[in-house]
Amino acid sequence: MKILSFTLGFVVLFLTGCVSQYSITESELEDYLADEIHFEIKEGNQLFGIDMRINNIQVKLGHKTDIMAVSALSVIKVRNPLMPFKAELEVTFEAKPWYDATNHSVYLKELKLVEITSSPKDFDKAIQQFSPQLMRFLTQFLETQPVYVLDTNESSQALIAEMTKRIQVQAGKIQLIFDE
């Protein structure tokens, strides 16, 4: 019996040591967002309207203290019979990521718009009109959707999910912290 409890203690100690360094990298966040986050707006009718879709999301962690930068490349199509057009829009946000221990997910808060660029360039003036509405859509979407969820169906991530209490942003990664 002592051998079993010693072995079990050793395994728990070993697992705790292995997972104490668990982190989520920028590329893991980008992969998760590419697979899970689908942001698409379709407003209007067949003749008049706007379609917007996010195609590419890039993440930068730790370039500022506790900050995650999210850049999204979007394609915007404006339908109207007189002058339809298509443009690409790159939007960059900064936000503070936080960990929700109840559903084992990383969310963003305090989103702020850092930069908007467009192609073609003459679309910049037109986008200024859409900017407040676009910011509201994206802010509401990004603040209510997790940007990463630990997979509790996978045994190692399930253990990590139960142990994680908070996160800390570091250069290139989000470190999962197990103590309060």
Protein backbone atom coordinates (compact mmCIF):
# COMPACT_ATOMS: atom_id res chain seq x y z
CA MET A 1 0.00 0.00 0.00
CA LYS A 2 2.89 2.34 0.80
CA ILE A 3 4.40 1.65 -2.61
CA LEU A 4 1.09 2.56 -4.29
CA SER A 5 0.73 5.84 -2.38
CA PHE A 6 4.41 6.67 -3.00
CA THR A 7 3.99 5.93 -6.73
CA LEU A 8 0.77 7.96 -6.90
CA GLY A 9 2.46 10.84 -5.07
CA PHE A 10 5.41 10.69 -7.44
CA VAL A 11 3.10 10.70 -10.50
CA VAL A 12 1.13 13.69 -9.17
CA LEU A 13 4.37 15.53 -8.39
CA PHE A 14 5.75 14.67 -11.84
CA LEU A 15 2.56 15.81 -13.60
CA THR A 16 2.47 19.01 -11.58
CA GLY A 17 6.06 19.72 -12.59
CA CYS A 18 5.33 18.99 -16.25
CA VAL A 19 2.28 21.19 -16.47
CA SER A 20 3.63 24.04 -14.35
CA GLN A 21 5.19 25.46 -17.51
CA TYR A 22 2.11 25.21 -19.74
CA SER A 23 1.52 28.14 -22.04
CA ILE A 24 -0.47 29.03 -25.14
CA THR A 25 1.61 30.37 -28.03
CA GLU A 26 0.68 32.99 -30.62
CA SER A 27 0.43 30.32 -33.32
CA GLU A 28 -1.85 28.15 -31.15
CA LEU A 29 -4.13 31.16 -30.65
CA GLU A 30 -4.11 31.92 -34.38
CA ASP A 31 -4.93 28.29 -35.22
CA TYR A 32 -7.76 28.23 -32.68
CA LEU A 33 -9.20 31.51 -33.99
CA ALA A 34 -8.94 30.34 -37.61
CA ASP A 35 -10.84 27.13 -36.76
CA GLU A 36 -13.39 28.47 -34.27
CA ILE A 37 -14.08 32.15 -34.88
CA HIS A 38 -16.25 32.89 -37.87
CA PHE A 39 -17.18 36.54 -38.16
CA GLU A 40 -19.40 37.45 -41.06
CA ILE A 41 -21.84 40.33 -41.54
CA LYS A 42 -24.43 40.46 -44.30
CA GLU A 43 -26.67 43.51 -44.26
CA GLY A 44 -29.13 44.74 -46.84
CA ASN A 45 -30.81 43.04 -49.80
CA GLN A 46 -29.86 41.85 -53.31
CA LEU A 47 -29.38 45.39 -54.67
CA PHE A 48 -28.07 47.37 -51.71
CA GLY A 49 -26.00 46.04 -48.87
CA ILE A 50 -22.69 45.18 -47.34
CA ASP A 51 -20.94 41.86 -46.82
CA MET A 52 -17.96 41.59 -44.53
CA ARG A 53 -15.92 38.52 -43.63
CA ILE A 54 -12.75 38.08 -41.59
CA ASN A 55 -10.25 35.96 -43.51
CA ASN A 56 -7.03 36.07 -41.56
CA ILE A 57 -6.29 36.71 -37.89
CA GLN A 58 -2.82 37.32 -36.48
CA VAL A 59 -1.93 37.53 -32.80
CA LYS A 60 0.96 39.28 -31.05
CA LEU A 61 1.48 38.68 -27.32
CA GLY A 62 3.45 40.72 -24.83
CA HIS A 63 4.55 43.59 -27.04
CA LYS A 64 3.07 45.70 -24.20
CA THR A 65 2.54 44.59 -20.60
CA ASP A 66 -0.49 42.24 -20.30
CA ILE A 67 -1.65 43.09 -23.84
CA MET A 68 -2.65 40.92 -26.78
CA ALA A 69 -2.78 42.52 -30.22
CA VAL A 70 -5.18 41.04 -32.75
CA SER A 71 -4.98 41.95 -36.43
CA ALA A 72 -7.72 40.83 -38.77
CA LEU A 73 -7.82 41.05 -42.54
CA SER A 74 -11.37 41.51 -43.76
CA VAL A 75 -12.94 41.57 -47.18
CA ILE A 76 -15.76 44.07 -47.59
CA LYS A 77 -18.16 44.04 -50.51
CA VAL A 78 -20.59 46.91 -50.96
CA ARG A 79 -23.54 46.14 -53.21
CA ASN A 80 -25.31 48.94 -55.03
CA PRO A 81 -26.42 49.24 -58.66
CA LEU A 82 -24.46 52.44 -59.38
CA MET A 83 -21.05 51.75 -57.91
CA PRO A 84 -20.44 48.36 -56.30
CA PHE A 85 -16.97 47.83 -54.90
CA LYS A 86 -14.78 45.45 -52.98
CA ALA A 87 -12.03 46.36 -50.53
CA GLU A 88 -9.70 44.74 -48.06
CA LEU A 89 -9.53 46.16 -44.59
CA GLU A 90 -6.91 45.38 -41.96
CA VAL A 91 -7.98 46.19 -38.42
CA THR A 92 -5.68 45.96 -35.39
CA PHE A 93 -6.99 45.85 -31.83
CA GLU A 94 -5.28 45.67 -28.50
CA ALA A 95 -6.94 44.03 -25.51
CA LYS A 96 -6.28 42.47 -22.14
CA PRO A 97 -6.80 38.71 -22.16
CA TRP A 98 -8.34 37.13 -19.05
CA TYR A 99 -9.07 33.55 -18.01
CA ASP A 100 -12.54 32.30 -17.07
CA ALA A 101 -11.90 29.26 -14.85
CA THR A 102 -15.55 28.16 -14.98
CA ASN A 103 -15.45 27.34 -18.68
CA HIS A 104 -11.64 27.06 -19.08
CA SER A 105 -11.49 29.82 -21.69
CA VAL A 106 -9.44 32.91 -22.51
CA TYR A 107 -11.45 36.03 -23.34
CA LEU A 108 -10.56 39.60 -24.28
CA LYS A 109 -11.59 42.76 -22.45
CA GLU A 110 -10.95 46.48 -22.85
CA LEU A 111 -10.64 46.24 -26.64
CA LYS A 112 -9.35 49.35 -28.33
CA LEU A 113 -8.90 50.04 -32.00
CA VAL A 114 -5.26 50.75 -32.82
CA GLU A 115 -5.20 50.96 -36.61
CA ILE A 116 -7.32 50.59 -39.72
CA THR A 117 -5.78 50.38 -43.19
CA SER A 118 -7.49 49.61 -46.46
CA SER A 119 -6.82 48.58 -50.00
CA PRO A 120 -7.55 50.40 -52.26
CA LYS A 121 -6.23 53.41 -50.32
CA ASP A 122 -9.06 55.72 -51.42
CA PHE A 123 -11.37 53.50 -49.34
CA ASP A 124 -9.83 55.01 -46.15
CA LYS A 125 -12.14 58.04 -46.20
CA ALA A 126 -15.23 55.89 -46.77
CA ILE A 127 -14.30 53.50 -43.97
CA GLN A 128 -14.15 56.36 -41.47
CA GLN A 129 -17.96 56.51 -41.79
CA PHE A 130 -18.27 52.78 -41.03
CA SER A 131 -15.61 52.76 -38.33
CA PRO A 132 -17.82 53.30 -35.24
CA GLN A 133 -20.35 50.67 -36.37
CA LEU A 134 -17.59 48.24 -37.35
CA MET A 135 -15.88 48.77 -34.01
CA ARG A 136 -19.13 48.04 -32.12
CA PHE A 137 -19.70 44.82 -34.10
CA LEU A 138 -16.14 43.58 -33.65
CA THR A 139 -15.87 44.63 -29.99
CA GLN A 140 -19.12 42.91 -29.06
CA PHE A 141 -18.10 39.82 -31.01
CA LEU A 142 -14.53 39.59 -29.68
CA GLU A 143 -15.46 40.32 -26.06
CA THR A 144 -18.16 37.61 -25.97
CA GLN A 145 -16.34 34.81 -27.82
CA PRO A 146 -13.43 32.96 -26.25
CA VAL A 147 -10.16 33.37 -28.12
CA TYR A 148 -8.96 30.02 -26.75
CA VAL A 149 -10.60 27.13 -24.89
CA LEU A 150 -8.69 24.36 -23.14
CA ASP A 151 -9.89 20.99 -24.44
CA THR A 152 -11.22 19.18 -21.36
CA ASN A 153 -11.77 16.02 -23.45
CA GLU A 154 -7.99 15.65 -23.71
CA SER A 155 -6.64 14.28 -20.41
CA SER A 156 -3.58 16.54 -20.10
CA GLN A 157 -5.53 19.70 -20.96
CA ALA A 158 -8.36 18.65 -18.61
CA LEU A 159 -5.88 18.52 -15.72
CA ILE A 160 -4.40 21.87 -16.74
CA ALA A 161 -7.90 23.38 -17.07
CA GLU A 162 -8.79 22.37 -13.52
CA MET A 163 -5.52 23.72 -12.10
CA THR A 164 -5.42 27.07 -13.96
CA LYS A 165 -6.54 30.06 -11.89
CA ARG A 166 -5.34 32.95 -14.03
CA ILE A 167 -3.12 33.84 -16.97
CA GLN A 168 -0.15 36.09 -17.54
CA VAL A 169 0.80 37.56 -20.92
CA GLN A 170 4.47 37.19 -21.80
CA ALA A 171 6.36 37.84 -25.02
CA GLY A 172 5.00 35.35 -27.57
CA LYS A 173 2.80 33.37 -25.19
CA ILE A 174 0.12 33.32 -22.51
CA GLN A 175 1.41 31.57 -19.40
CA LEU A 176 -1.19 29.60 -17.42
CA ILE A 177 -0.83 30.23 -13.69
CA PHE A 178 -1.98 27.52 -11.29
CA ASP A 179 -1.91 29.36 -7.95
CA GLU A 180 -3.94 32.36 -6.83
